[in-house]
Every structure is written in C-alpha cells, then in structure tokens.
Amino acid sequence: MGWSTSALRGIPNDYNDEAKKIDEQILGLIQQRKAISGGKRLFPEQEVLEQWAAKFDLELNQISLILSSLNEGLPRRHFWDEPGLLLGVLPIMKRIVTEDFEYVLSHAMQHEKLSIVTLEIKYLKETTDQVHIRPTLDLVVLSDTEYEVTRNHGHGGGGQIQMRFMVSPPLPNDLTSVEFSLVPGSDRFMGPSYEEIKLDKQIDFY
C-alpha cells in the first residue's frame, strides 16, 4: 500500500447547467435575505409554515430547519468565555404542557455579563417504547430591551432533557415586561466545546 497525491478522481456527478442556474438563484436570494434582515431573526408564523408545507409538499420540520439555517448564518456578537461573577439565581418558573410534553423555564443564573437560562423538557406520555427527545428549539426573549440568545449546553436522555441558553444583556430581576418563547431552530445539540478540525477535501485511495 502506498500514499498517493495524484489528481482528484473524477467521481460521477449528474450536476448540470439547469441545476447550476437554480443554485445560483438560491444563493443570490440567500444574500438578499441576509441584507433585508439587518441582523434580526426572521421566521414566519405557524399558519404560513402549514400553507407552504401543503403548497410545496414538504414536512413542517424540513421548512423550519431550512429557514432556521438562514438565521444561523447571520453574524452574532461574541459571547464571553467567562460570564463574570455569579450574582445570584433568578426564579422564572414558567410551565407549559402541550402535546404530551412539559416545558419548564425554571431559573436563570445571574452573572455580571449575562444570564444562563435553564429549560427542562419532559415527555409525559406512558409508553413501552424507547423515547429520545431531540429538541430543535431556540429561546427568544421579548422585551423593550433587545436580547441576544445562544444555546449554551444540553444534556439528558430518554424522555427528559435539559437545555441552557446564554442571554445578553442579563435579565432584569423584575420579569413583568419580559416574555419567553421557544421557536423552531437548529438540531445541533450543544455540549462541551472542542476544537473543530474540518475535513472536507476529496481523498482518493489507490
């Protein structure tokens, strides 16, 4: 066996001019969408998603992931590796039960530079089958103050899972004017940070 640095092998590919033209249009529209978003999250209402699902014969989650990926492409302000001194714990205790799932925003760890909000999800239906929750959800914080939210960590298994979100600036102690929503988002389930080495080049074995 020997290592080779020969030219890339020509792998069969049915790509054609018609597909290329469509792809160029898609990429151009993505750039237009980024320009009009102004760095804001853009996502349609559930009713619109359902209309598009019927019109284009697509699943709701497919449309949600496609549109969410466009939002993820927007540049985000850097979150500090160190959130600052822990100042206290802010009770949130908001609970919703819908479609056999319980969602609880339990509390936020209040740091100098940001808040870390904890979300707990539990599957309530009894079943003999194995269940694994895979959340494709992001947290949105609505208020007169503009908040930036990013997923920080998640763990769990089976029918229970816990997610944490970093919110900047820190949440106020009085949450009267603050609203929380979960919206369709990425299926990346964030864990500990690792150095990422991207392997995306064609490798030929001879």
N, C-alpha and C. Protein backbone atom coordinates (compact mmCIF):
# COMPACT_ATOMS: atom_id res chain seq x y z
N MET A 1 0.84 -1.20 0.00
CA MET A 1 0.00 0.00 0.00
C MET A 1 0.87 1.24 0.00
N GLY A 2 0.50 2.24 -0.74
CA GLY A 2 1.28 3.47 -0.75
C GLY A 2 0.37 4.68 -0.75
N TRP A 3 0.93 5.80 -0.29
CA TRP A 3 0.17 7.05 -0.27
C TRP A 3 0.31 7.73 -1.62
N SER A 4 -0.74 8.36 -2.08
CA SER A 4 -0.71 9.00 -3.39
C SER A 4 -1.22 10.43 -3.28
N THR A 5 -0.56 11.30 -4.03
CA THR A 5 -1.02 12.70 -4.12
C THR A 5 -1.46 13.02 -5.54
N SER A 6 -2.00 12.01 -6.21
CA SER A 6 -2.43 12.19 -7.59
C SER A 6 -3.62 13.14 -7.67
N ALA A 7 -3.93 13.57 -8.88
CA ALA A 7 -5.08 14.46 -9.10
C ALA A 7 -6.36 13.78 -8.64
N LEU A 8 -7.36 14.60 -8.28
CA LEU A 8 -8.62 14.06 -7.77
C LEU A 8 -9.28 13.15 -8.80
N ARG A 9 -9.80 12.06 -8.33
CA ARG A 9 -10.52 11.12 -9.18
C ARG A 9 -11.84 11.74 -9.60
N GLY A 10 -12.24 11.49 -10.82
CA GLY A 10 -13.50 12.03 -11.31
C GLY A 10 -14.67 11.17 -10.87
N ILE A 11 -15.30 11.55 -9.75
CA ILE A 11 -16.46 10.81 -9.25
C ILE A 11 -17.69 11.22 -10.05
N PRO A 12 -18.49 10.24 -10.51
CA PRO A 12 -19.68 10.56 -11.31
C PRO A 12 -20.58 11.57 -10.62
N ASN A 13 -21.00 12.58 -11.36
CA ASN A 13 -21.83 13.64 -10.79
C ASN A 13 -22.79 14.11 -11.89
N ASP A 14 -24.08 14.07 -11.59
CA ASP A 14 -25.10 14.42 -12.57
C ASP A 14 -25.42 15.91 -12.59
N TYR A 15 -24.59 16.71 -11.93
CA TYR A 15 -24.82 18.16 -11.89
C TYR A 15 -24.83 18.70 -13.32
N ASN A 16 -25.78 19.60 -13.59
CA ASN A 16 -25.90 20.12 -14.95
C ASN A 16 -26.18 21.62 -14.92
N ASP A 17 -26.25 22.21 -16.10
CA ASP A 17 -26.42 23.66 -16.20
C ASP A 17 -27.75 24.13 -15.61
N GLU A 18 -28.79 23.31 -15.75
CA GLU A 18 -30.10 23.68 -15.19
C GLU A 18 -30.05 23.75 -13.67
N ALA A 19 -29.41 22.74 -13.05
CA ALA A 19 -29.26 22.75 -11.60
C ALA A 19 -28.36 23.90 -11.15
N LYS A 20 -27.30 24.17 -11.91
CA LYS A 20 -26.40 25.27 -11.59
C LYS A 20 -27.14 26.60 -11.59
N LYS A 21 -28.00 26.80 -12.58
CA LYS A 21 -28.75 28.05 -12.67
C LYS A 21 -29.67 28.24 -11.47
N ILE A 22 -30.34 27.15 -11.07
CA ILE A 22 -31.22 27.22 -9.90
C ILE A 22 -30.42 27.51 -8.64
N ASP A 23 -29.29 26.83 -8.47
CA ASP A 23 -28.45 27.02 -7.28
C ASP A 23 -27.94 28.45 -7.19
N GLU A 24 -27.57 29.04 -8.33
CA GLU A 24 -27.11 30.43 -8.32
C GLU A 24 -28.24 31.36 -7.87
N GLN A 25 -29.47 31.07 -8.31
CA GLN A 25 -30.62 31.88 -7.88
C GLN A 25 -30.85 31.74 -6.38
N ILE A 26 -30.72 30.49 -5.85
CA ILE A 26 -30.91 30.26 -4.42
C ILE A 26 -29.88 31.04 -3.62
N LEU A 27 -28.60 30.96 -4.03
CA LEU A 27 -27.55 31.66 -3.30
C LEU A 27 -27.74 33.18 -3.35
N GLY A 28 -28.21 33.67 -4.51
CA GLY A 28 -28.48 35.10 -4.61
C GLY A 28 -29.61 35.54 -3.69
N LEU A 29 -30.66 34.71 -3.60
CA LEU A 29 -31.79 35.02 -2.71
C LEU A 29 -31.37 34.97 -1.24
N ILE A 30 -30.47 34.04 -0.90
CA ILE A 30 -29.97 33.98 0.48
C ILE A 30 -29.25 35.28 0.84
N GLN A 31 -28.44 35.79 -0.08
CA GLN A 31 -27.73 37.05 0.17
C GLN A 31 -28.72 38.20 0.32
N GLN A 32 -29.78 38.21 -0.50
CA GLN A 32 -30.80 39.27 -0.39
C GLN A 32 -31.51 39.19 0.95
N ARG A 33 -31.80 37.97 1.39
CA ARG A 33 -32.50 37.79 2.66
C ARG A 33 -31.64 38.28 3.83
N LYS A 34 -30.34 37.97 3.79
CA LYS A 34 -29.44 38.45 4.84
C LYS A 34 -29.40 39.97 4.87
N ALA A 35 -29.43 40.58 3.67
CA ALA A 35 -29.35 42.03 3.60
C ALA A 35 -30.58 42.70 4.21
N ILE A 36 -31.77 42.14 3.93
CA ILE A 36 -33.00 42.78 4.43
C ILE A 36 -33.25 42.45 5.90
N SER A 37 -32.61 41.40 6.42
CA SER A 37 -32.84 41.03 7.82
C SER A 37 -32.22 42.03 8.78
N GLY A 38 -31.15 42.68 8.36
CA GLY A 38 -30.50 43.64 9.25
C GLY A 38 -29.97 43.01 10.52
N GLY A 39 -29.63 41.73 10.46
CA GLY A 39 -29.13 41.05 11.64
C GLY A 39 -30.21 40.55 12.58
N LYS A 40 -31.48 40.71 12.18
CA LYS A 40 -32.59 40.26 13.02
C LYS A 40 -33.02 38.85 12.63
N ARG A 41 -33.67 38.17 13.56
CA ARG A 41 -34.20 36.85 13.28
C ARG A 41 -35.50 36.99 12.50
N LEU A 42 -35.60 36.31 11.37
CA LEU A 42 -36.81 36.33 10.55
C LEU A 42 -37.37 34.91 10.48
N PHE A 43 -38.63 34.77 10.90
CA PHE A 43 -39.24 33.45 10.85
C PHE A 43 -40.76 33.61 10.75
N PRO A 44 -41.40 32.88 9.82
CA PRO A 44 -42.84 33.05 9.59
C PRO A 44 -43.69 32.43 10.70
N GLU A 45 -44.97 32.82 10.72
CA GLU A 45 -45.92 32.26 11.65
C GLU A 45 -46.25 30.81 11.29
N GLN A 46 -46.79 30.07 12.27
CA GLN A 46 -47.12 28.66 12.06
C GLN A 46 -48.09 28.47 10.90
N GLU A 47 -49.04 29.38 10.78
CA GLU A 47 -50.04 29.27 9.70
C GLU A 47 -49.37 29.33 8.33
N VAL A 48 -48.38 30.20 8.19
CA VAL A 48 -47.65 30.32 6.92
C VAL A 48 -46.86 29.05 6.65
N LEU A 49 -46.23 28.49 7.68
CA LEU A 49 -45.48 27.25 7.52
C LEU A 49 -46.39 26.12 7.01
N GLU A 50 -47.59 26.05 7.59
CA GLU A 50 -48.52 25.00 7.18
C GLU A 50 -48.97 25.19 5.73
N GLN A 51 -49.18 26.43 5.32
CA GLN A 51 -49.56 26.71 3.93
C GLN A 51 -48.44 26.28 2.98
N TRP A 52 -47.21 26.60 3.33
CA TRP A 52 -46.08 26.23 2.47
C TRP A 52 -45.86 24.72 2.45
N ALA A 53 -46.09 24.07 3.57
CA ALA A 53 -45.93 22.62 3.61
C ALA A 53 -46.89 21.95 2.62
N ALA A 54 -48.13 22.45 2.56
CA ALA A 54 -49.11 21.90 1.62
C ALA A 54 -48.77 22.28 0.19
N LYS A 55 -48.35 23.53 -0.01
CA LYS A 55 -48.07 24.03 -1.36
C LYS A 55 -46.87 23.33 -1.99
N PHE A 56 -45.81 23.12 -1.20
CA PHE A 56 -44.56 22.57 -1.75
C PHE A 56 -44.36 21.09 -1.42
N ASP A 57 -45.36 20.49 -0.77
CA ASP A 57 -45.29 19.06 -0.42
C ASP A 57 -44.03 18.76 0.41
N LEU A 58 -43.84 19.54 1.45
CA LEU A 58 -42.71 19.38 2.36
C LEU A 58 -43.21 19.20 3.78
N GLU A 59 -42.39 18.57 4.63
CA GLU A 59 -42.73 18.45 6.05
C GLU A 59 -42.47 19.78 6.75
N LEU A 60 -43.24 20.04 7.80
CA LEU A 60 -43.07 21.28 8.55
C LEU A 60 -41.66 21.41 9.10
N ASN A 61 -41.12 20.29 9.63
CA ASN A 61 -39.78 20.38 10.22
C ASN A 61 -38.71 20.65 9.16
N GLN A 62 -38.93 20.18 7.92
CA GLN A 62 -37.99 20.47 6.84
C GLN A 62 -37.94 21.98 6.55
N ILE A 63 -39.12 22.58 6.45
CA ILE A 63 -39.18 24.02 6.19
C ILE A 63 -38.57 24.80 7.35
N SER A 64 -38.88 24.38 8.57
CA SER A 64 -38.36 25.07 9.75
C SER A 64 -36.84 25.04 9.79
N LEU A 65 -36.25 23.87 9.50
CA LEU A 65 -34.80 23.75 9.54
C LEU A 65 -34.14 24.58 8.45
N ILE A 66 -34.75 24.61 7.26
CA ILE A 66 -34.19 25.40 6.17
C ILE A 66 -34.18 26.88 6.53
N LEU A 67 -35.32 27.39 7.02
CA LEU A 67 -35.41 28.80 7.35
C LEU A 67 -34.57 29.16 8.56
N SER A 68 -34.49 28.25 9.53
CA SER A 68 -33.65 28.50 10.71
C SER A 68 -32.18 28.57 10.34
N SER A 69 -31.77 27.75 9.38
CA SER A 69 -30.37 27.77 8.97
C SER A 69 -30.00 29.11 8.34
N LEU A 70 -30.96 29.78 7.72
CA LEU A 70 -30.69 31.11 7.17
C LEU A 70 -30.44 32.11 8.28
N ASN A 71 -31.21 32.00 9.38
CA ASN A 71 -30.99 32.88 10.52
C ASN A 71 -29.65 32.59 11.18
N GLU A 72 -29.26 31.32 11.23
CA GLU A 72 -28.00 30.96 11.86
C GLU A 72 -26.81 31.52 11.11
N GLY A 73 -27.01 31.82 9.83
CA GLY A 73 -25.91 32.36 9.06
C GLY A 73 -25.61 33.81 9.37
N LEU A 74 -26.48 34.46 10.15
CA LEU A 74 -26.25 35.85 10.49
C LEU A 74 -25.13 35.99 11.49
N PRO A 75 -24.28 37.02 11.35
CA PRO A 75 -23.19 37.19 12.31
C PRO A 75 -23.73 37.51 13.69
N ARG A 76 -23.14 36.91 14.70
CA ARG A 76 -23.56 37.14 16.07
C ARG A 76 -22.42 37.75 16.87
N ARG A 77 -22.79 38.59 17.82
CA ARG A 77 -21.79 39.18 18.69
C ARG A 77 -21.13 38.09 19.53
N HIS A 78 -19.86 38.23 19.79
CA HIS A 78 -19.12 37.22 20.55
C HIS A 78 -19.58 37.17 22.00
N PHE A 79 -19.88 35.98 22.47
CA PHE A 79 -20.20 35.79 23.88
C PHE A 79 -18.93 35.52 24.65
N TRP A 80 -18.85 36.07 25.82
CA TRP A 80 -17.65 35.91 26.62
C TRP A 80 -17.48 34.46 27.05
N ASP A 81 -16.22 34.00 27.05
CA ASP A 81 -15.94 32.68 27.58
C ASP A 81 -16.21 32.65 29.09
N GLU A 82 -15.98 33.77 29.74
CA GLU A 82 -16.23 33.89 31.18
C GLU A 82 -17.39 34.86 31.39
N PRO A 83 -18.53 34.37 31.91
CA PRO A 83 -19.71 35.24 32.05
C PRO A 83 -19.59 36.27 33.16
N GLY A 84 -18.53 36.21 33.95
CA GLY A 84 -18.38 37.14 35.04
C GLY A 84 -18.84 36.55 36.36
N LEU A 85 -18.73 37.33 37.39
CA LEU A 85 -19.08 36.88 38.74
C LEU A 85 -20.54 36.47 38.83
N LEU A 86 -20.80 35.34 39.50
CA LEU A 86 -22.18 34.92 39.74
C LEU A 86 -22.80 35.81 40.81
N LEU A 87 -23.92 36.44 40.45
CA LEU A 87 -24.56 37.39 41.35
C LEU A 87 -25.73 36.78 42.12
N GLY A 88 -26.35 35.74 41.56
CA GLY A 88 -27.49 35.14 42.23
C GLY A 88 -28.29 34.27 41.28
N VAL A 89 -29.43 33.80 41.77
CA VAL A 89 -30.32 32.95 40.99
C VAL A 89 -31.67 33.66 40.84
N LEU A 90 -32.13 33.77 39.60
CA LEU A 90 -33.40 34.45 39.32
C LEU A 90 -34.47 33.40 39.02
N PRO A 91 -35.48 33.24 39.89
CA PRO A 91 -36.58 32.30 39.59
C PRO A 91 -37.40 32.77 38.39
N ILE A 92 -37.70 31.85 37.48
CA ILE A 92 -38.57 32.17 36.35
C ILE A 92 -39.87 31.38 36.48
N MET A 93 -39.76 30.07 36.64
CA MET A 93 -40.88 29.18 36.92
C MET A 93 -42.08 29.40 35.99
N LYS A 94 -41.83 29.26 34.72
CA LYS A 94 -42.90 29.30 33.73
C LYS A 94 -43.05 27.89 33.17
N ARG A 95 -44.29 27.36 33.20
CA ARG A 95 -44.54 25.97 32.83
C ARG A 95 -45.67 25.88 31.82
N ILE A 96 -45.43 25.13 30.76
CA ILE A 96 -46.43 24.90 29.73
C ILE A 96 -46.50 23.40 29.44
N VAL A 97 -47.72 22.84 29.34
CA VAL A 97 -47.90 21.45 28.93
C VAL A 97 -48.67 21.45 27.62
N THR A 98 -48.09 20.83 26.60
CA THR A 98 -48.74 20.76 25.29
C THR A 98 -48.27 19.53 24.54
N GLU A 99 -49.22 18.83 23.92
CA GLU A 99 -48.94 17.66 23.09
C GLU A 99 -48.04 16.65 23.80
N ASP A 100 -48.41 16.31 25.03
CA ASP A 100 -47.73 15.28 25.83
C ASP A 100 -46.33 15.68 26.30
N PHE A 101 -46.01 16.96 26.22
CA PHE A 101 -44.70 17.42 26.69
C PHE A 101 -44.88 18.54 27.71
N GLU A 102 -44.03 18.50 28.73
CA GLU A 102 -43.98 19.57 29.72
C GLU A 102 -42.71 20.39 29.49
N TYR A 103 -42.88 21.71 29.38
CA TYR A 103 -41.77 22.63 29.20
C TYR A 103 -41.71 23.54 30.43
N VAL A 104 -40.56 23.59 31.08
CA VAL A 104 -40.40 24.42 32.26
C VAL A 104 -39.16 25.30 32.12
N LEU A 105 -39.37 26.62 32.11
CA LEU A 105 -38.26 27.55 32.27
C LEU A 105 -38.12 27.78 33.76
N SER A 106 -37.15 27.12 34.36
CA SER A 106 -37.09 27.08 35.82
C SER A 106 -36.40 28.29 36.43
N HIS A 107 -35.23 28.65 35.93
CA HIS A 107 -34.48 29.72 36.60
C HIS A 107 -33.38 30.24 35.67
N ALA A 108 -32.75 31.32 36.10
CA ALA A 108 -31.60 31.87 35.38
C ALA A 108 -30.49 32.13 36.39
N MET A 109 -29.29 31.68 36.07
CA MET A 109 -28.12 32.03 36.86
C MET A 109 -27.67 33.42 36.41
N GLN A 110 -27.70 34.37 37.33
CA GLN A 110 -27.42 35.76 37.01
C GLN A 110 -25.94 36.08 37.19
N HIS A 111 -25.26 36.33 36.07
CA HIS A 111 -23.86 36.70 36.10
C HIS A 111 -23.70 38.17 35.75
N GLU A 112 -22.49 38.68 35.91
CA GLU A 112 -22.25 40.09 35.62
C GLU A 112 -22.53 40.43 34.16
N LYS A 113 -22.16 39.53 33.26
CA LYS A 113 -22.22 39.87 31.84
C LYS A 113 -23.40 39.25 31.11
N LEU A 114 -24.02 38.25 31.71
CA LEU A 114 -25.13 37.58 31.02
C LEU A 114 -25.91 36.71 32.00
N SER A 115 -27.05 36.21 31.52
CA SER A 115 -27.86 35.25 32.27
C SER A 115 -27.78 33.89 31.58
N ILE A 116 -27.81 32.84 32.37
CA ILE A 116 -27.86 31.49 31.82
C ILE A 116 -29.20 30.88 32.24
N VAL A 117 -30.09 30.72 31.24
CA VAL A 117 -31.46 30.28 31.49
C VAL A 117 -31.56 28.77 31.28
N THR A 118 -32.24 28.10 32.21
CA THR A 118 -32.40 26.64 32.13
C THR A 118 -33.81 26.28 31.69
N LEU A 119 -33.88 25.41 30.68
CA LEU A 119 -35.14 24.87 30.18
C LEU A 119 -35.15 23.36 30.39
N GLU A 120 -36.23 22.85 30.98
CA GLU A 120 -36.38 21.41 31.18
C GLU A 120 -37.58 20.92 30.37
N ILE A 121 -37.38 19.83 29.62
CA ILE A 121 -38.43 19.26 28.79
C ILE A 121 -38.65 17.81 29.23
N LYS A 122 -39.92 17.44 29.41
CA LYS A 122 -40.24 16.08 29.86
C LYS A 122 -41.38 15.52 29.04
N TYR A 123 -41.22 14.29 28.59
CA TYR A 123 -42.28 13.58 27.85
C TYR A 123 -43.20 12.92 28.86
N LEU A 124 -44.49 13.25 28.82
CA LEU A 124 -45.42 12.82 29.86
C LEU A 124 -46.17 11.55 29.53
N LYS A 125 -46.19 11.15 28.27
CA LYS A 125 -46.98 10.00 27.87
C LYS A 125 -46.31 8.69 28.25
N GLU A 126 -47.06 7.79 28.85
CA GLU A 126 -46.52 6.48 29.20
C GLU A 126 -46.44 5.62 27.95
N THR A 127 -45.30 4.99 27.76
CA THR A 127 -45.11 4.14 26.58
C THR A 127 -44.11 3.05 26.91
N THR A 128 -44.28 1.91 26.27
CA THR A 128 -43.33 0.82 26.45
C THR A 128 -42.16 0.94 25.47
N ASP A 129 -42.31 1.83 24.49
CA ASP A 129 -41.24 2.03 23.51
C ASP A 129 -40.20 3.01 24.06
N GLN A 130 -38.99 2.86 23.56
CA GLN A 130 -37.95 3.81 23.93
C GLN A 130 -38.21 5.15 23.27
N VAL A 131 -38.02 6.23 24.04
CA VAL A 131 -38.25 7.58 23.54
C VAL A 131 -36.98 8.38 23.73
N HIS A 132 -36.61 9.13 22.73
CA HIS A 132 -35.46 10.04 22.85
C HIS A 132 -35.87 11.40 22.31
N ILE A 133 -35.83 12.41 23.16
CA ILE A 133 -36.19 13.76 22.76
C ILE A 133 -35.01 14.40 22.03
N ARG A 134 -35.27 14.95 20.85
CA ARG A 134 -34.25 15.71 20.12
C ARG A 134 -34.81 17.10 19.86
N PRO A 135 -34.51 18.07 20.71
CA PRO A 135 -35.10 19.40 20.56
C PRO A 135 -34.44 20.19 19.43
N THR A 136 -35.26 20.70 18.54
CA THR A 136 -34.78 21.64 17.52
C THR A 136 -35.43 22.99 17.84
N LEU A 137 -35.06 23.51 18.99
CA LEU A 137 -35.71 24.71 19.53
C LEU A 137 -34.67 25.74 19.95
N ASP A 138 -35.00 26.99 19.74
CA ASP A 138 -34.21 28.11 20.25
C ASP A 138 -35.10 28.95 21.15
N LEU A 139 -34.48 29.65 22.08
CA LEU A 139 -35.20 30.53 23.00
C LEU A 139 -35.17 31.95 22.47
N VAL A 140 -36.33 32.60 22.52
CA VAL A 140 -36.44 34.02 22.17
C VAL A 140 -36.91 34.78 23.39
N VAL A 141 -36.26 35.89 23.70
CA VAL A 141 -36.62 36.74 24.83
C VAL A 141 -37.14 38.07 24.27
N LEU A 142 -38.39 38.40 24.58
CA LEU A 142 -39.02 39.59 24.04
C LEU A 142 -39.20 40.63 25.14
N SER A 143 -38.76 41.85 24.86
CA SER A 143 -38.86 42.93 25.83
C SER A 143 -38.53 44.24 25.12
N ASP A 144 -38.67 45.35 25.82
CA ASP A 144 -38.22 46.63 25.26
C ASP A 144 -36.70 46.61 25.05
N THR A 145 -36.01 45.83 25.86
CA THR A 145 -34.57 45.64 25.69
C THR A 145 -34.34 44.57 24.64
N GLU A 146 -33.36 44.76 23.78
CA GLU A 146 -33.04 43.78 22.76
C GLU A 146 -32.05 42.76 23.33
N TYR A 147 -32.47 41.49 23.36
CA TYR A 147 -31.64 40.44 23.92
C TYR A 147 -31.08 39.54 22.81
N GLU A 148 -29.85 39.11 23.02
CA GLU A 148 -29.23 38.13 22.15
C GLU A 148 -29.14 36.81 22.90
N VAL A 149 -29.59 35.75 22.26
CA VAL A 149 -29.65 34.44 22.92
C VAL A 149 -28.91 33.41 22.09
N THR A 150 -28.10 32.59 22.75
CA THR A 150 -27.44 31.49 22.07
C THR A 150 -27.49 30.26 22.95
N ARG A 151 -27.58 29.11 22.32
CA ARG A 151 -27.64 27.87 23.08
C ARG A 151 -26.28 27.58 23.70
N ASN A 152 -26.30 27.21 24.97
CA ASN A 152 -25.06 27.04 25.72
C ASN A 152 -24.71 25.59 25.99
N HIS A 153 -25.70 24.79 26.33
CA HIS A 153 -25.41 23.43 26.77
C HIS A 153 -26.71 22.63 26.80
N GLY A 154 -26.57 21.34 26.72
CA GLY A 154 -27.74 20.48 26.85
C GLY A 154 -27.33 19.08 27.25
N HIS A 155 -28.18 18.43 28.03
CA HIS A 155 -27.89 17.06 28.42
C HIS A 155 -29.19 16.37 28.81
N GLY A 156 -29.12 15.06 28.89
CA GLY A 156 -30.30 14.28 29.26
C GLY A 156 -30.40 13.08 28.36
N GLY A 157 -31.49 12.37 28.50
CA GLY A 157 -31.69 11.19 27.68
C GLY A 157 -33.09 10.66 27.88
N GLY A 158 -33.52 9.82 26.93
CA GLY A 158 -34.85 9.25 27.03
C GLY A 158 -35.90 10.33 26.92
N GLY A 159 -36.84 10.32 27.87
CA GLY A 159 -37.96 11.24 27.83
C GLY A 159 -37.74 12.53 28.58
N GLN A 160 -36.51 12.82 29.04
CA GLN A 160 -36.24 14.06 29.75
C GLN A 160 -34.97 14.69 29.22
N ILE A 161 -34.98 15.99 29.14
CA ILE A 161 -33.79 16.68 28.65
C ILE A 161 -33.74 18.08 29.26
N GLN A 162 -32.53 18.60 29.40
CA GLN A 162 -32.33 19.94 29.93
C GLN A 162 -31.46 20.74 28.97
N MET A 163 -31.86 21.97 28.71
CA MET A 163 -31.11 22.86 27.84
C MET A 163 -30.81 24.15 28.58
N ARG A 164 -29.67 24.76 28.22
CA ARG A 164 -29.32 26.05 28.81
C ARG A 164 -29.02 27.05 27.70
N PHE A 165 -29.44 28.29 27.93
CA PHE A 165 -29.27 29.36 26.95
C PHE A 165 -28.58 30.55 27.62
N MET A 166 -27.62 31.13 26.92
CA MET A 166 -26.98 32.36 27.39
C MET A 166 -27.74 33.56 26.84
N VAL A 167 -28.10 34.47 27.72
CA VAL A 167 -28.88 35.65 27.35
C VAL A 167 -28.09 36.90 27.70
N SER A 168 -27.91 37.77 26.72
CA SER A 168 -27.16 39.01 26.93
C SER A 168 -27.94 40.18 26.35
N PRO A 169 -28.06 41.29 27.10
CA PRO A 169 -27.54 41.52 28.45
C PRO A 169 -28.29 40.69 29.50
N PRO A 170 -27.84 40.70 30.75
CA PRO A 170 -28.52 39.90 31.78
C PRO A 170 -29.98 40.29 31.94
N LEU A 171 -30.80 39.30 32.28
CA LEU A 171 -32.21 39.56 32.51
C LEU A 171 -32.40 40.44 33.74
N PRO A 172 -33.47 41.26 33.75
CA PRO A 172 -33.74 42.08 34.94
C PRO A 172 -34.33 41.21 36.05
N ASN A 173 -34.22 41.67 37.27
CA ASN A 173 -34.81 40.93 38.39
C ASN A 173 -36.33 40.93 38.33
N ASP A 174 -36.91 41.97 37.74
CA ASP A 174 -38.36 42.05 37.56
C ASP A 174 -38.68 41.62 36.12
N LEU A 175 -39.34 40.46 35.98
CA LEU A 175 -39.63 39.91 34.66
C LEU A 175 -41.03 40.26 34.15
N THR A 176 -41.67 41.23 34.76
CA THR A 176 -43.04 41.59 34.40
C THR A 176 -43.17 41.92 32.92
N SER A 177 -42.21 42.63 32.37
CA SER A 177 -42.29 43.08 30.98
C SER A 177 -41.49 42.19 30.03
N VAL A 178 -41.09 41.01 30.49
CA VAL A 178 -40.27 40.11 29.68
C VAL A 178 -41.10 38.89 29.30
N GLU A 179 -41.06 38.51 28.03
CA GLU A 179 -41.77 37.33 27.55
C GLU A 179 -40.76 36.34 26.96
N PHE A 180 -41.08 35.04 27.11
CA PHE A 180 -40.21 33.99 26.61
C PHE A 180 -40.98 33.12 25.62
N SER A 181 -40.31 32.73 24.55
CA SER A 181 -40.91 31.81 23.58
C SER A 181 -39.86 30.83 23.09
N LEU A 182 -40.33 29.62 22.77
CA LEU A 182 -39.48 28.64 22.10
C LEU A 182 -39.89 28.61 20.63
N VAL A 183 -38.91 28.66 19.75
CA VAL A 183 -39.19 28.72 18.32
C VAL A 183 -38.38 27.64 17.61
N PRO A 184 -38.82 27.20 16.43
CA PRO A 184 -38.04 26.22 15.67
C PRO A 184 -36.63 26.72 15.42
N GLY A 185 -35.67 25.84 15.61
CA GLY A 185 -34.28 26.24 15.44
C GLY A 185 -33.44 25.11 14.90
N SER A 186 -32.19 25.11 15.27
CA SER A 186 -31.24 24.12 14.78
C SER A 186 -31.38 22.81 15.52
N ASP A 187 -30.94 21.71 14.86
CA ASP A 187 -30.92 20.43 15.56
C ASP A 187 -29.54 20.14 16.14
N ARG A 188 -28.65 21.14 16.13
CA ARG A 188 -27.37 20.96 16.80
C ARG A 188 -27.62 20.97 18.29
N PHE A 189 -27.17 19.91 18.96
CA PHE A 189 -27.36 19.83 20.40
C PHE A 189 -26.02 20.13 21.05
N MET A 190 -25.87 21.31 21.59
CA MET A 190 -24.57 21.77 22.03
C MET A 190 -24.12 21.08 23.31
N GLY A 191 -22.90 20.71 23.34
CA GLY A 191 -22.28 20.13 24.52
C GLY A 191 -21.01 20.87 24.83
N PRO A 192 -20.02 20.21 25.42
CA PRO A 192 -18.75 20.86 25.72
C PRO A 192 -18.09 21.35 24.44
N SER A 193 -17.34 22.43 24.56
CA SER A 193 -16.66 23.00 23.40
C SER A 193 -15.39 22.23 23.11
N TYR A 194 -15.18 21.95 21.85
CA TYR A 194 -13.97 21.28 21.40
C TYR A 194 -13.39 22.07 20.23
N GLU A 195 -12.10 21.90 20.01
CA GLU A 195 -11.50 22.46 18.82
C GLU A 195 -12.03 21.69 17.62
N GLU A 196 -12.52 22.40 16.64
CA GLU A 196 -13.10 21.76 15.46
C GLU A 196 -12.09 21.72 14.33
N ILE A 197 -11.86 20.54 13.78
CA ILE A 197 -11.00 20.37 12.62
C ILE A 197 -11.88 19.88 11.48
N LYS A 198 -12.03 20.70 10.47
CA LYS A 198 -12.94 20.39 9.38
C LYS A 198 -12.22 19.58 8.30
N LEU A 199 -12.77 18.43 7.98
CA LEU A 199 -12.26 17.59 6.90
C LEU A 199 -13.28 17.60 5.77
N ASP A 200 -12.99 18.30 4.69
CA ASP A 200 -13.97 18.44 3.62
C ASP A 200 -13.33 18.33 2.24
N LYS A 201 -12.17 17.69 2.15
CA LYS A 201 -11.50 17.52 0.86
C LYS A 201 -11.64 16.08 0.38
N GLN A 202 -11.74 15.94 -0.94
CA GLN A 202 -11.84 14.60 -1.52
C GLN A 202 -10.54 13.85 -1.30
N ILE A 203 -10.64 12.59 -0.86
CA ILE A 203 -9.48 11.73 -0.63
C ILE A 203 -9.64 10.50 -1.50
N ASP A 204 -8.65 10.21 -2.33
CA ASP A 204 -8.69 9.05 -3.20
C ASP A 204 -7.70 8.00 -2.71
N PHE A 205 -8.13 6.75 -2.63
CA PHE A 205 -7.27 5.63 -2.26
C PHE A 205 -6.93 4.83 -3.51
N TYR A 206 -5.63 4.57 -3.67
CA TYR A 206 -5.19 3.81 -4.85
C TYR A 206 -4.49 2.53 -4.41
